[in-house]
Amino acid sequence: MSGLYYSALGRVLAEPAPAPGGAGVPTPVKNAPSELVTAVGKGLGLVAWAGTAAGVAGVLITGLMMAISHKRGETSEHMSRLGMVLGGCVLVSVAGPVVNFFF
């Protein structure tokens, strides 16, 4: 078993080192149809706008529920709900730049 290991290791070490600077690595070109790029851009813009609107609505609704509960003298778990809404807002606001960075 160790002979097999050492023979495989010898073959790996005998391979030539890759050329410096990444020579030989293919570089893909962006050649998507312009109509597709425009349609995807519009779709992502619409989704981003809807996510932002949903986040604002969520913060307003949570604040309204907190105000009503406070007026009634009730205690409830609105701070955790507010944290989830704000976490969702951060996720929506960070998604666009992350996608632009990778694509």
Foldseek 3Di string as FASTA:
>chain_A
DVVVVVVVVVVVVPDDDDDPPPPPDDDDDDDDDPVVVVVVVVVLVVVLVVLQVVLVVQLVVLVVVVVVCVVVVHDDDSVVSNVVSVVSNVVSVVVVVVVVVVD
